[in-house]
Amino acid sequence: MVILDMIMPDLNGRQVLTELKKIKPTVKVILTSGYSLDGLAENIRDLPGDGFLQKPYRIRQLSAVTGQLIKENRNG
């Protein structure tokens, strides 16, 4: 499981996500950003991420998203 910030120097989140999925298509990726989904310049709703957390997030939010992905992974 990877927690991936969408705004980074050099490569952006979309580029990193694309490369991660090439290396391991089944990798679970939680996208994160300080911008809201509506505030991001790129539409991340179309990206093959498995969840989104808006920063700053709390440990409970992170735990809920990661727990759900683990549960989904176990179930199929």
PDB file of N, CA and C in Angstrom:
ATOM      1  N   MET A   1       0.844  -1.169   0.000  1.00  0.00           N
ATOM      2  CA  MET A   1       0.000   0.000   0.000  1.00  0.00           C
ATOM      3  C   MET A   1       0.892   1.236   0.000  1.00  0.00           C
ATOM      4  N   VAL A   2       0.481   2.220  -0.804  1.00  0.00           N
ATOM      5  CA  VAL A   2       1.251   3.456  -0.949  1.00  0.00           C
ATOM      6  C   VAL A   2       0.338   4.641  -0.656  1.00  0.00           C
ATOM      7  N   ILE A   3       0.866   5.592   0.091  1.00  0.00           N
ATOM      8  CA  ILE A   3       0.187   6.878   0.282  1.00  0.00           C
ATOM      9  C   ILE A   3       0.941   7.866  -0.591  1.00  0.00           C
ATOM     10  N   LEU A   4       0.253   8.433  -1.569  1.00  0.00           N
ATOM     11  CA  LEU A   4       0.897   9.235  -2.604  1.00  0.00           C
ATOM     12  C   LEU A   4       0.346  10.655  -2.638  1.00  0.00           C
ATOM     13  N   ASP A   5       1.222  11.621  -2.400  1.00  0.00           N
ATOM     14  CA  ASP A   5       0.833  13.022  -2.504  1.00  0.00           C
ATOM     15  C   ASP A   5       0.755  13.389  -3.983  1.00  0.00           C
ATOM     16  N   MET A   6      -0.255  14.131  -4.357  1.00  0.00           N
ATOM     17  CA  MET A   6      -0.455  14.486  -5.761  1.00  0.00           C
ATOM     18  C   MET A   6       0.454  15.633  -6.216  1.00  0.00           C
ATOM     19  N   ILE A   7       0.900  16.457  -5.296  1.00  0.00           N
ATOM     20  CA  ILE A   7       1.732  17.607  -5.646  1.00  0.00           C
ATOM     21  C   ILE A   7       3.137  17.372  -5.090  1.00  0.00           C
ATOM     22  N   MET A   8       4.093  17.148  -6.011  1.00  0.00           N
ATOM     23  CA  MET A   8       5.472  16.881  -5.616  1.00  0.00           C
ATOM     24  C   MET A   8       6.402  17.547  -6.629  1.00  0.00           C
ATOM     25  N   PRO A   9       7.648  17.784  -6.230  1.00  0.00           N
ATOM     26  CA  PRO A   9       8.611  18.301  -7.214  1.00  0.00           C
ATOM     27  C   PRO A   9       8.992  17.197  -8.200  1.00  0.00           C
ATOM     28  N   ASP A  10       9.461  17.579  -9.334  1.00  0.00           N
ATOM     29  CA  ASP A  10       9.914  16.668 -10.391  1.00  0.00           C
ATOM     30  C   ASP A  10       8.741  15.911 -11.016  1.00  0.00           C
ATOM     31  N   LEU A  11       8.389  14.754 -10.501  1.00  0.00           N
ATOM     32  CA  LEU A  11       7.237  14.013 -11.024  1.00  0.00           C
ATOM     33  C   LEU A  11       5.993  14.414 -10.247  1.00  0.00           C
ATOM     34  N   ASN A  12       4.838  14.462 -10.926  1.00  0.00           N
ATOM     35  CA  ASN A  12       3.608  14.725 -10.185  1.00  0.00           C
ATOM     36  C   ASN A  12       2.963  13.400  -9.798  1.00  0.00           C
ATOM     37  N   GLY A  13       1.939  13.455  -8.996  1.00  0.00           N
ATOM     38  CA  GLY A  13       1.277  12.257  -8.510  1.00  0.00           C
ATOM     39  C   GLY A  13       0.757  11.354  -9.615  1.00  0.00           C
ATOM     40  N   ARG A  14       0.232  11.942 -10.670  1.00  0.00           N
ATOM     41  CA  ARG A  14      -0.289  11.150 -11.798  1.00  0.00           C
ATOM     42  C   ARG A  14       0.841  10.323 -12.426  1.00  0.00           C
ATOM     43  N   GLN A  15       1.998  10.946 -12.606  1.00  0.00           N
ATOM     44  CA  GLN A  15       3.135  10.242 -13.211  1.00  0.00           C
ATOM     45  C   GLN A  15       3.625   9.106 -12.312  1.00  0.00           C
ATOM     46  N   VAL A  16       3.736   9.378 -11.024  1.00  0.00           N
ATOM     47  CA  VAL A  16       4.186   8.349 -10.082  1.00  0.00           C
ATOM     48  C   VAL A  16       3.185   7.209 -10.025  1.00  0.00           C
ATOM     49  N   LEU A  17       1.906   7.534  -9.975  1.00  0.00           N
ATOM     50  CA  LEU A  17       0.876   6.505  -9.945  1.00  0.00           C
ATOM     51  C   LEU A  17       0.936   5.617 -11.180  1.00  0.00           C
ATOM     52  N   THR A  18       1.123   6.225 -12.334  1.00  0.00           N
ATOM     53  CA  THR A  18       1.235   5.463 -13.578  1.00  0.00           C
ATOM     54  C   THR A  18       2.416   4.496 -13.509  1.00  0.00           C
ATOM     55  N   GLU A  19       3.549   4.972 -13.024  1.00  0.00           N
ATOM     56  CA  GLU A  19       4.729   4.111 -12.922  1.00  0.00           C
ATOM     57  C   GLU A  19       4.534   3.002 -11.896  1.00  0.00           C
ATOM     58  N   LEU A  20       3.920   3.332 -10.762  1.00  0.00           N
ATOM     59  CA  LEU A  20       3.649   2.302  -9.745  1.00  0.00           C
ATOM     60  C   LEU A  20       2.774   1.187 -10.313  1.00  0.00           C
ATOM     61  N   LYS A  21       1.736   1.569 -11.056  1.00  0.00           N
ATOM     62  CA  LYS A  21       0.817   0.582 -11.613  1.00  0.00           C
ATOM     63  C   LYS A  21       1.485  -0.261 -12.704  1.00  0.00           C
ATOM     64  N   LYS A  22       2.476   0.306 -13.399  1.00  0.00           N
ATOM     65  CA  LYS A  22       3.241  -0.475 -14.376  1.00  0.00           C
ATOM     66  C   LYS A  22       4.063  -1.547 -13.665  1.00  0.00           C
ATOM     67  N   ILE A  23       4.679  -1.155 -12.553  1.00  0.00           N
ATOM     68  CA  ILE A  23       5.532  -2.069 -11.801  1.00  0.00           C
ATOM     69  C   ILE A  23       4.694  -3.161 -11.133  1.00  0.00           C
ATOM     70  N   LYS A  24       3.595  -2.752 -10.510  1.00  0.00           N
ATOM     71  CA  LYS A  24       2.731  -3.698  -9.797  1.00  0.00           C
ATOM     72  C   LYS A  24       1.282  -3.239  -9.950  1.00  0.00           C
ATOM     73  N   PRO A  25       0.576  -3.787 -10.914  1.00  0.00           N
ATOM     74  CA  PRO A  25      -0.800  -3.343 -11.186  1.00  0.00           C
ATOM     75  C   PRO A  25      -1.773  -3.488 -10.013  1.00  0.00           C
ATOM     76  N   THR A  26      -1.481  -4.390  -9.100  1.00  0.00           N
ATOM     77  CA  THR A  26      -2.401  -4.623  -7.983  1.00  0.00           C
ATOM     78  C   THR A  26      -2.100  -3.771  -6.754  1.00  0.00           C
ATOM     79  N   VAL A  27      -1.064  -2.918  -6.825  1.00  0.00           N
ATOM     80  CA  VAL A  27      -0.708  -2.099  -5.673  1.00  0.00           C
ATOM     81  C   VAL A  27      -1.889  -1.195  -5.301  1.00  0.00           C
ATOM     82  N   LYS A  28      -2.141  -1.077  -4.017  1.00  0.00           N
ATOM     83  CA  LYS A  28      -3.187  -0.196  -3.508  1.00  0.00           C
ATOM     84  C   LYS A  28      -2.572   1.171  -3.246  1.00  0.00           C
ATOM     85  N   VAL A  29      -3.188   2.221  -3.781  1.00  0.00           N
ATOM     86  CA  VAL A  29      -2.642   3.568  -3.671  1.00  0.00           C
ATOM     87  C   VAL A  29      -3.703   4.518  -3.125  1.00  0.00           C
ATOM     88  N   ILE A  30      -3.371   5.153  -2.018  1.00  0.00           N
ATOM     89  CA  ILE A  30      -4.222   6.189  -1.443  1.00  0.00           C
ATOM     90  C   ILE A  30      -3.646   7.529  -1.884  1.00  0.00           C
ATOM     91  N   LEU A  31      -4.428   8.293  -2.601  1.00  0.00           N
ATOM     92  CA  LEU A  31      -4.003   9.610  -3.068  1.00  0.00           C
ATOM     93  C   LEU A  31      -4.266  10.629  -1.970  1.00  0.00           C
ATOM     94  N   THR A  32      -3.388  11.606  -1.845  1.00  0.00           N
ATOM     95  CA  THR A  32      -3.561  12.635  -0.829  1.00  0.00           C
ATOM     96  C   THR A  32      -3.123  13.987  -1.379  1.00  0.00           C
ATOM     97  N   SER A  33      -3.756  15.035  -0.874  1.00  0.00           N
ATOM     98  CA  SER A  33      -3.418  16.384  -1.301  1.00  0.00           C
ATOM     99  C   SER A  33      -3.943  17.389  -0.283  1.00  0.00           C
ATOM    100  N   GLY A  34      -3.287  18.524  -0.242  1.00  0.00           N
ATOM    101  CA  GLY A  34      -3.787  19.633   0.564  1.00  0.00           C
ATOM    102  C   GLY A  34      -4.950  20.337  -0.113  1.00  0.00           C
ATOM    103  N   TYR A  35      -5.109  20.076  -1.403  1.00  0.00           N
ATOM    104  CA  TYR A  35      -6.232  20.633  -2.154  1.00  0.00           C
ATOM    105  C   TYR A  35      -7.421  19.684  -2.067  1.00  0.00           C
ATOM    106  N   SER A  36      -8.621  20.216  -2.150  1.00  0.00           N
ATOM    107  CA  SER A  36      -9.805  19.371  -2.192  1.00  0.00           C
ATOM    108  C   SER A  36      -9.874  18.699  -3.559  1.00  0.00           C
ATOM    109  N   LEU A  37     -10.729  17.701  -3.680  1.00  0.00           N
ATOM    110  CA  LEU A  37     -10.911  17.043  -4.978  1.00  0.00           C
ATOM    111  C   LEU A  37     -11.291  18.062  -6.045  1.00  0.00           C
ATOM    112  N   ASP A  38     -12.143  19.019  -5.692  1.00  0.00           N
ATOM    113  CA  ASP A  38     -12.583  20.033  -6.648  1.00  0.00           C
ATOM    114  C   ASP A  38     -11.486  21.063  -6.934  1.00  0.00           C
ATOM    115  N   GLY A  39     -10.553  21.233  -5.993  1.00  0.00           N
ATOM    116  CA  GLY A  39      -9.525  22.245  -6.146  1.00  0.00           C
ATOM    117  C   GLY A  39      -8.290  21.786  -6.901  1.00  0.00           C
ATOM    118  N   LEU A  40      -8.171  20.507  -7.160  1.00  0.00           N
ATOM    119  CA  LEU A  40      -6.999  20.022  -7.886  1.00  0.00           C
ATOM    120  C   LEU A  40      -7.093  20.387  -9.354  1.00  0.00           C
ATOM    121  N   ALA A  41      -5.968  20.774  -9.910  1.00  0.00           N
ATOM    122  CA  ALA A  41      -5.938  21.149 -11.321  1.00  0.00           C
ATOM    123  C   ALA A  41      -6.264  19.970 -12.213  1.00  0.00           C
ATOM    124  N   GLU A  42      -5.796  18.786 -11.830  1.00  0.00           N
ATOM    125  CA  GLU A  42      -6.101  17.600 -12.629  1.00  0.00           C
ATOM    126  C   GLU A  42      -7.247  16.839 -11.967  1.00  0.00           C
ATOM    127  N   ASN A  43      -8.044  16.185 -12.754  1.00  0.00           N
ATOM    128  CA  ASN A  43      -9.175  15.459 -12.208  1.00  0.00           C
ATOM    129  C   ASN A  43      -8.716  14.090 -11.726  1.00  0.00           C
ATOM    130  N   ILE A  44      -8.498  13.960 -10.428  1.00  0.00           N
ATOM    131  CA  ILE A  44      -7.990  12.698  -9.911  1.00  0.00           C
ATOM    132  C   ILE A  44      -9.082  11.647  -9.780  1.00  0.00           C
ATOM    133  N   ARG A  45     -10.306  12.053  -9.979  1.00  0.00           N
ATOM    134  CA  ARG A  45     -11.388  11.060  -9.947  1.00  0.00           C
ATOM    135  C   ARG A  45     -11.209  10.011 -11.044  1.00  0.00           C
ATOM    136  N   ASP A  46     -10.503  10.383 -12.110  1.00  0.00           N
ATOM    137  CA  ASP A  46     -10.272   9.473 -13.229  1.00  0.00           C
ATOM    138  C   ASP A  46      -9.026   8.605 -13.040  1.00  0.00           C
ATOM    139  N   LEU A  47      -8.274   8.845 -11.975  1.00  0.00           N
ATOM    140  CA  LEU A  47      -7.048   8.091 -11.748  1.00  0.00           C
ATOM    141  C   LEU A  47      -7.360   6.757 -11.070  1.00  0.00           C
ATOM    142  N   PRO A  48      -6.502   5.754 -11.304  1.00  0.00           N
ATOM    143  CA  PRO A  48      -6.756   4.431 -10.720  1.00  0.00           C
ATOM    144  C   PRO A  48      -6.285   4.311  -9.269  1.00  0.00           C
ATOM    145  N   GLY A  49      -6.544   5.333  -8.466  1.00  0.00           N
ATOM    146  CA  GLY A  49      -6.223   5.269  -7.044  1.00  0.00           C
ATOM    147  C   GLY A  49      -7.326   4.521  -6.313  1.00  0.00           C
ATOM    148  N   ASP A  50      -7.043   4.152  -5.076  1.00  0.00           N
ATOM    149  CA  ASP A  50      -7.994   3.343  -4.308  1.00  0.00           C
ATOM    150  C   ASP A  50      -8.626   4.095  -3.156  1.00  0.00           C
ATOM    151  N   GLY A  51      -8.302   5.358  -3.035  1.00  0.00           N
ATOM    152  CA  GLY A  51      -8.873   6.175  -1.980  1.00  0.00           C
ATOM    153  C   GLY A  51      -8.264   7.562  -2.034  1.00  0.00           C
ATOM    154  N   PHE A  52      -8.866   8.508  -1.325  1.00  0.00           N
ATOM    155  CA  PHE A  52      -8.359   9.873  -1.290  1.00  0.00           C
ATOM    156  C   PHE A  52      -8.448  10.401   0.128  1.00  0.00           C
ATOM    157  N   LEU A  53      -7.392  11.046   0.571  1.00  0.00           N
ATOM    158  CA  LEU A  53      -7.371  11.732   1.857  1.00  0.00           C
ATOM    159  C   LEU A  53      -6.944  13.173   1.622  1.00  0.00           C
ATOM    160  N   GLN A  54      -7.764  14.097   2.117  1.00  0.00           N
ATOM    161  CA  GLN A  54      -7.392  15.504   2.014  1.00  0.00           C
ATOM    162  C   GLN A  54      -6.568  15.876   3.233  1.00  0.00           C
ATOM    163  N   LYS A  55      -5.404  16.521   2.992  1.00  0.00           N
ATOM    164  CA  LYS A  55      -4.552  16.958   4.096  1.00  0.00           C
ATOM    165  C   LYS A  55      -5.092  18.257   4.664  1.00  0.00           C
ATOM    166  N   PRO A  56      -4.917  18.495   5.914  1.00  0.00           N
ATOM    167  CA  PRO A  56      -4.360  17.550   6.883  1.00  0.00           C
ATOM    168  C   PRO A  56      -5.418  16.509   7.257  1.00  0.00           C
ATOM    169  N   TYR A  57      -4.995  15.291   7.386  1.00  0.00           N
ATOM    170  CA  TYR A  57      -5.920  14.241   7.796  1.00  0.00           C
ATOM    171  C   TYR A  57      -5.505  13.721   9.167  1.00  0.00           C
ATOM    172  N   ARG A  58      -6.444  13.096   9.800  1.00  0.00           N
ATOM    173  CA  ARG A  58      -6.211  12.554  11.142  1.00  0.00           C
ATOM    174  C   ARG A  58      -5.941  11.060  11.042  1.00  0.00           C
ATOM    175  N   ILE A  59      -5.308  10.541  12.060  1.00  0.00           N
ATOM    176  CA  ILE A  59      -4.965   9.126  12.077  1.00  0.00           C
ATOM    177  C   ILE A  59      -6.220   8.252  11.926  1.00  0.00           C
ATOM    178  N   ARG A  60      -7.332   8.696  12.445  1.00  0.00           N
ATOM    179  CA  ARG A  60      -8.577   7.920  12.303  1.00  0.00           C
ATOM    180  C   ARG A  60      -9.014   7.824  10.845  1.00  0.00           C
ATOM    181  N   GLN A  61      -8.853   8.915  10.105  1.00  0.00           N
ATOM    182  CA  GLN A  61      -9.204   8.890   8.684  1.00  0.00           C
ATOM    183  C   GLN A  61      -8.267   7.950   7.926  1.00  0.00           C
ATOM    184  N   LEU A  62      -6.981   8.053   8.205  1.00  0.00           N
ATOM    185  CA  LEU A  62      -6.005   7.172   7.571  1.00  0.00           C
ATOM    186  C   LEU A  62      -6.300   5.717   7.914  1.00  0.00           C
ATOM    187  N   SER A  63      -6.595   5.468   9.163  1.00  0.00           N
ATOM    188  CA  SER A  63      -6.910   4.109   9.609  1.00  0.00           C
ATOM    189  C   SER A  63      -8.154   3.569   8.919  1.00  0.00           C
ATOM    190  N   ALA A  64      -9.161   4.403   8.756  1.00  0.00           N
ATOM    191  CA  ALA A  64     -10.402   3.963   8.097  1.00  0.00           C
ATOM    192  C   ALA A  64     -10.155   3.595   6.638  1.00  0.00           C
ATOM    193  N   VAL A  65      -9.411   4.428   5.930  1.00  0.00           N
ATOM    194  CA  VAL A  65      -9.149   4.167   4.512  1.00  0.00           C
ATOM    195  C   VAL A  65      -8.269   2.934   4.342  1.00  0.00           C
ATOM    196  N   THR A  66      -7.194   2.849   5.119  1.00  0.00           N
ATOM    197  CA  THR A  66      -6.314   1.681   4.995  1.00  0.00           C
ATOM    198  C   THR A  66      -7.028   0.409   5.431  1.00  0.00           C
ATOM    199  N   GLY A  67      -7.821   0.499   6.490  1.00  0.00           N
ATOM    200  CA  GLY A  67      -8.587  -0.665   6.945  1.00  0.00           C
ATOM    201  C   GLY A  67      -9.547  -1.166   5.885  1.00  0.00           C
ATOM    202  N   GLN A  68     -10.207  -0.256   5.199  1.00  0.00           N
ATOM    203  CA  GLN A  68     -11.143  -0.635   4.142  1.00  0.00           C
ATOM    204  C   GLN A  68     -10.408  -1.322   2.990  1.00  0.00           C
ATOM    205  N   LEU A  69      -9.259  -0.806   2.616  1.00  0.00           N
ATOM    206  CA  LEU A  69      -8.491  -1.416   1.530  1.00  0.00           C
ATOM    207  C   LEU A  69      -7.986  -2.804   1.907  1.00  0.00           C
ATOM    208  N   ILE A  70      -7.557  -2.960   3.145  1.00  0.00           N
ATOM    209  CA  ILE A  70      -7.117  -4.275   3.614  1.00  0.00           C
ATOM    210  C   ILE A  70      -8.287  -5.255   3.601  1.00  0.00           C
ATOM    211  N   LYS A  71      -9.430  -4.796   4.065  1.00  0.00           N
ATOM    212  CA  LYS A  71     -10.630  -5.644   4.076  1.00  0.00           C
ATOM    213  C   LYS A  71     -11.016  -6.059   2.660  1.00  0.00           C
ATOM    214  N   GLU A  72     -11.019  -5.108   1.736  1.00  0.00           N
ATOM    215  CA  GLU A  72     -11.350  -5.408   0.340  1.00  0.00           C
ATOM    216  C   GLU A  72     -10.352  -6.392  -0.266  1.00  0.00           C
ATOM    217  N   ASN A  73      -9.086  -6.231   0.083  1.00  0.00           N
ATOM    218  CA  ASN A  73      -8.041  -7.108  -0.436  1.00  0.00           C
ATOM    219  C   ASN A  73      -8.240  -8.545   0.061  1.00  0.00           C
ATOM    220  N   ARG A  74      -8.647  -8.682   1.295  1.00  0.00           N
ATOM    221  CA  ARG A  74      -8.896 -10.025   1.868  1.00  0.00           C
ATOM    222  C   ARG A  74     -10.097 -10.690   1.233  1.00  0.00           C
ATOM    223  N   ASN A  75     -11.108  -9.872   0.891  1.00  0.00           N
ATOM    224  CA  ASN A  75     -12.354 -10.420   0.359  1.00  0.00           C
ATOM    225  C   ASN A  75     -12.308 -10.664  -1.138  1.00  0.00           C
ATOM    226  N   GLY A  76     -11.277 -10.264  -1.765  1.00  0.00           N
ATOM    227  CA  GLY A  76     -11.262 -10.603  -3.168  1.00  0.00           C
ATOM    228  C   GLY A  76     -10.605  -9.708  -4.066  1.00  0.00           C
TER     229      GLY A  76
END
